[in-house]
């Protein structure tokens, strides 16, 4: 059974940021390196490209913001 988008993003974030990170209720404050690692992992997972000109800090500020951004980029699921 396929996972929904939020679950897929959550799994990818846990792979990059660690399994013990509370991603549900936290505004992420990522270092530049972790932000880049997360963007690359998301691009790979969803076979998309997020341009460097995109507001990466805003996109990666929370689980919800990543999901919202992906919903705009991905075809209907």
C-alpha atoms as a PDB file:
ATOM      1  CA  UNK A   1       0.000   0.000   0.000  1.00  0.00           C
ATOM      2  CA  UNK A   2       1.565   3.323  -1.040  1.00  0.00           C
ATOM      3  CA  UNK A   3       2.285   5.897   1.614  1.00  0.00           C
ATOM      4  CA  UNK A   4       0.729   9.310   1.419  1.00  0.00           C
ATOM      5  CA  UNK A   5       2.904  12.305   0.610  1.00  0.00           C
ATOM      6  CA  UNK A   6       3.257  13.437   4.232  1.00  0.00           C
ATOM      7  CA  UNK A   7       4.422   9.968   5.331  1.00  0.00           C
ATOM      8  CA  UNK A   8       6.941   9.808   2.477  1.00  0.00           C
ATOM      9  CA  UNK A   9       8.359  13.231   3.382  1.00  0.00           C
ATOM     10  CA  UNK A  10       8.475  12.292   7.057  1.00  0.00           C
ATOM     11  CA  UNK A  11      10.423   9.110   6.268  1.00  0.00           C
ATOM     12  CA  UNK A  12      12.886  11.028   4.099  1.00  0.00           C
ATOM     13  CA  UNK A  13      13.357  13.682   6.774  1.00  0.00           C
ATOM     14  CA  UNK A  14      14.023  11.059   9.431  1.00  0.00           C
ATOM     15  CA  UNK A  15      16.642   9.438   7.194  1.00  0.00           C
ATOM     16  CA  UNK A  16      18.452  12.756   6.830  1.00  0.00           C
ATOM     17  CA  UNK A  17      17.893  14.278  10.283  1.00  0.00           C
ATOM     18  CA  UNK A  18      17.782  11.164  12.435  1.00  0.00           C
ATOM     19  CA  UNK A  19      14.992   8.971  13.762  1.00  0.00           C
ATOM     20  CA  UNK A  20      14.656  10.777  17.104  1.00  0.00           C
ATOM     21  CA  UNK A  21      13.929  14.236  15.709  1.00  0.00           C
ATOM     22  CA  UNK A  22      10.422  15.480  16.516  1.00  0.00           C
ATOM     23  CA  UNK A  23       9.256  16.678  13.124  1.00  0.00           C
ATOM     24  CA  UNK A  24       5.547  16.956  13.801  1.00  0.00           C
ATOM     25  CA  UNK A  25       5.424  19.986  16.080  1.00  0.00           C
ATOM     26  CA  UNK A  26       8.751  21.664  15.540  1.00  0.00           C
ATOM     27  CA  UNK A  27       9.869  24.462  13.302  1.00  0.00           C
ATOM     28  CA  UNK A  28      13.096  23.166  11.907  1.00  0.00           C
ATOM     29  CA  UNK A  29      16.212  25.256  12.276  1.00  0.00           C
ATOM     30  CA  UNK A  30      18.617  23.448   9.995  1.00  0.00           C
ATOM     31  CA  UNK A  31      22.226  24.235   9.288  1.00  0.00           C
ATOM     32  CA  UNK A  32      22.994  25.026   5.655  1.00  0.00           C
ATOM     33  CA  UNK A  33      24.511  21.570   5.229  1.00  0.00           C
ATOM     34  CA  UNK A  34      21.483  19.730   6.677  1.00  0.00           C
ATOM     35  CA  UNK A  35      19.149  21.901   4.602  1.00  0.00           C
ATOM     36  CA  UNK A  36      21.055  20.978   1.443  1.00  0.00           C
ATOM     37  CA  UNK A  37      21.122  17.287   2.408  1.00  0.00           C
ATOM     38  CA  UNK A  38      17.365  17.379   2.964  1.00  0.00           C
ATOM     39  CA  UNK A  39      16.682  19.131  -0.353  1.00  0.00           C
ATOM     40  CA  UNK A  40      18.838  16.607  -2.238  1.00  0.00           C
ATOM     41  CA  UNK A  41      17.098  13.682  -0.493  1.00  0.00           C
ATOM     42  CA  UNK A  42      13.663  15.100  -1.349  1.00  0.00           C
ATOM     43  CA  UNK A  43      14.673  15.717  -4.961  1.00  0.00           C
ATOM     44  CA  UNK A  44      15.916  12.136  -5.219  1.00  0.00           C
ATOM     45  CA  UNK A  45      12.881  10.629  -3.470  1.00  0.00           C
ATOM     46  CA  UNK A  46      10.342  12.432  -5.645  1.00  0.00           C
ATOM     47  CA  UNK A  47      12.387  12.742  -8.848  1.00  0.00           C
ATOM     48  CA  UNK A  48      12.049  16.529  -8.940  1.00  0.00           C
ATOM     49  CA  UNK A  49      14.356  19.544  -9.053  1.00  0.00           C
ATOM     50  CA  UNK A  50      14.105  22.408  -6.606  1.00  0.00           C
ATOM     51  CA  UNK A  51      16.040  25.359  -8.041  1.00  0.00           C
ATOM     52  CA  UNK A  52      18.696  27.077  -5.970  1.00  0.00           C
ATOM     53  CA  UNK A  53      16.751  30.309  -6.416  1.00  0.00           C
ATOM     54  CA  UNK A  54      13.823  28.816  -4.458  1.00  0.00           C
ATOM     55  CA  UNK A  55      13.440  29.978  -0.830  1.00  0.00           C
ATOM     56  CA  UNK A  56      15.095  26.841   0.565  1.00  0.00           C
ATOM     57  CA  UNK A  57      15.077  27.992   4.209  1.00  0.00           C
ATOM     58  CA  UNK A  58      11.342  28.641   3.961  1.00  0.00           C
ATOM     59  CA  UNK A  59      10.636  25.368   2.156  1.00  0.00           C
ATOM     60  CA  UNK A  60      12.562  23.325   4.738  1.00  0.00           C
ATOM     61  CA  UNK A  61      11.287  25.233   7.773  1.00  0.00           C
ATOM     62  CA  UNK A  62       8.826  22.490   8.762  1.00  0.00           C
ATOM     63  CA  UNK A  63       7.312  19.208   7.675  1.00  0.00           C
ATOM     64  CA  UNK A  64       4.150  21.028   6.611  1.00  0.00           C
ATOM     65  CA  UNK A  65       6.021  23.564   4.489  1.00  0.00           C
ATOM     66  CA  UNK A  66       7.849  20.792   2.623  1.00  0.00           C
ATOM     67  CA  UNK A  67       4.591  18.922   1.979  1.00  0.00           C
ATOM     68  CA  UNK A  68       2.887  22.127   0.795  1.00  0.00           C
ATOM     69  CA  UNK A  69       5.747  22.873  -1.595  1.00  0.00           C
ATOM     70  CA  UNK A  70       5.739  19.332  -2.976  1.00  0.00           C
ATOM     71  CA  UNK A  71       1.975  19.412  -3.515  1.00  0.00           C
ATOM     72  CA  UNK A  72       2.570  22.353  -5.863  1.00  0.00           C
ATOM     73  CA  UNK A  73       5.346  20.553  -7.765  1.00  0.00           C
ATOM     74  CA  UNK A  74       4.015  17.032  -8.056  1.00  0.00           C
ATOM     75  CA  UNK A  75       1.241  15.871 -10.343  1.00  0.00           C
ATOM     76  CA  UNK A  76      -1.982  14.932  -8.568  1.00  0.00           C
ATOM     77  CA  UNK A  77      -1.596  11.905  -6.375  1.00  0.00           C
END
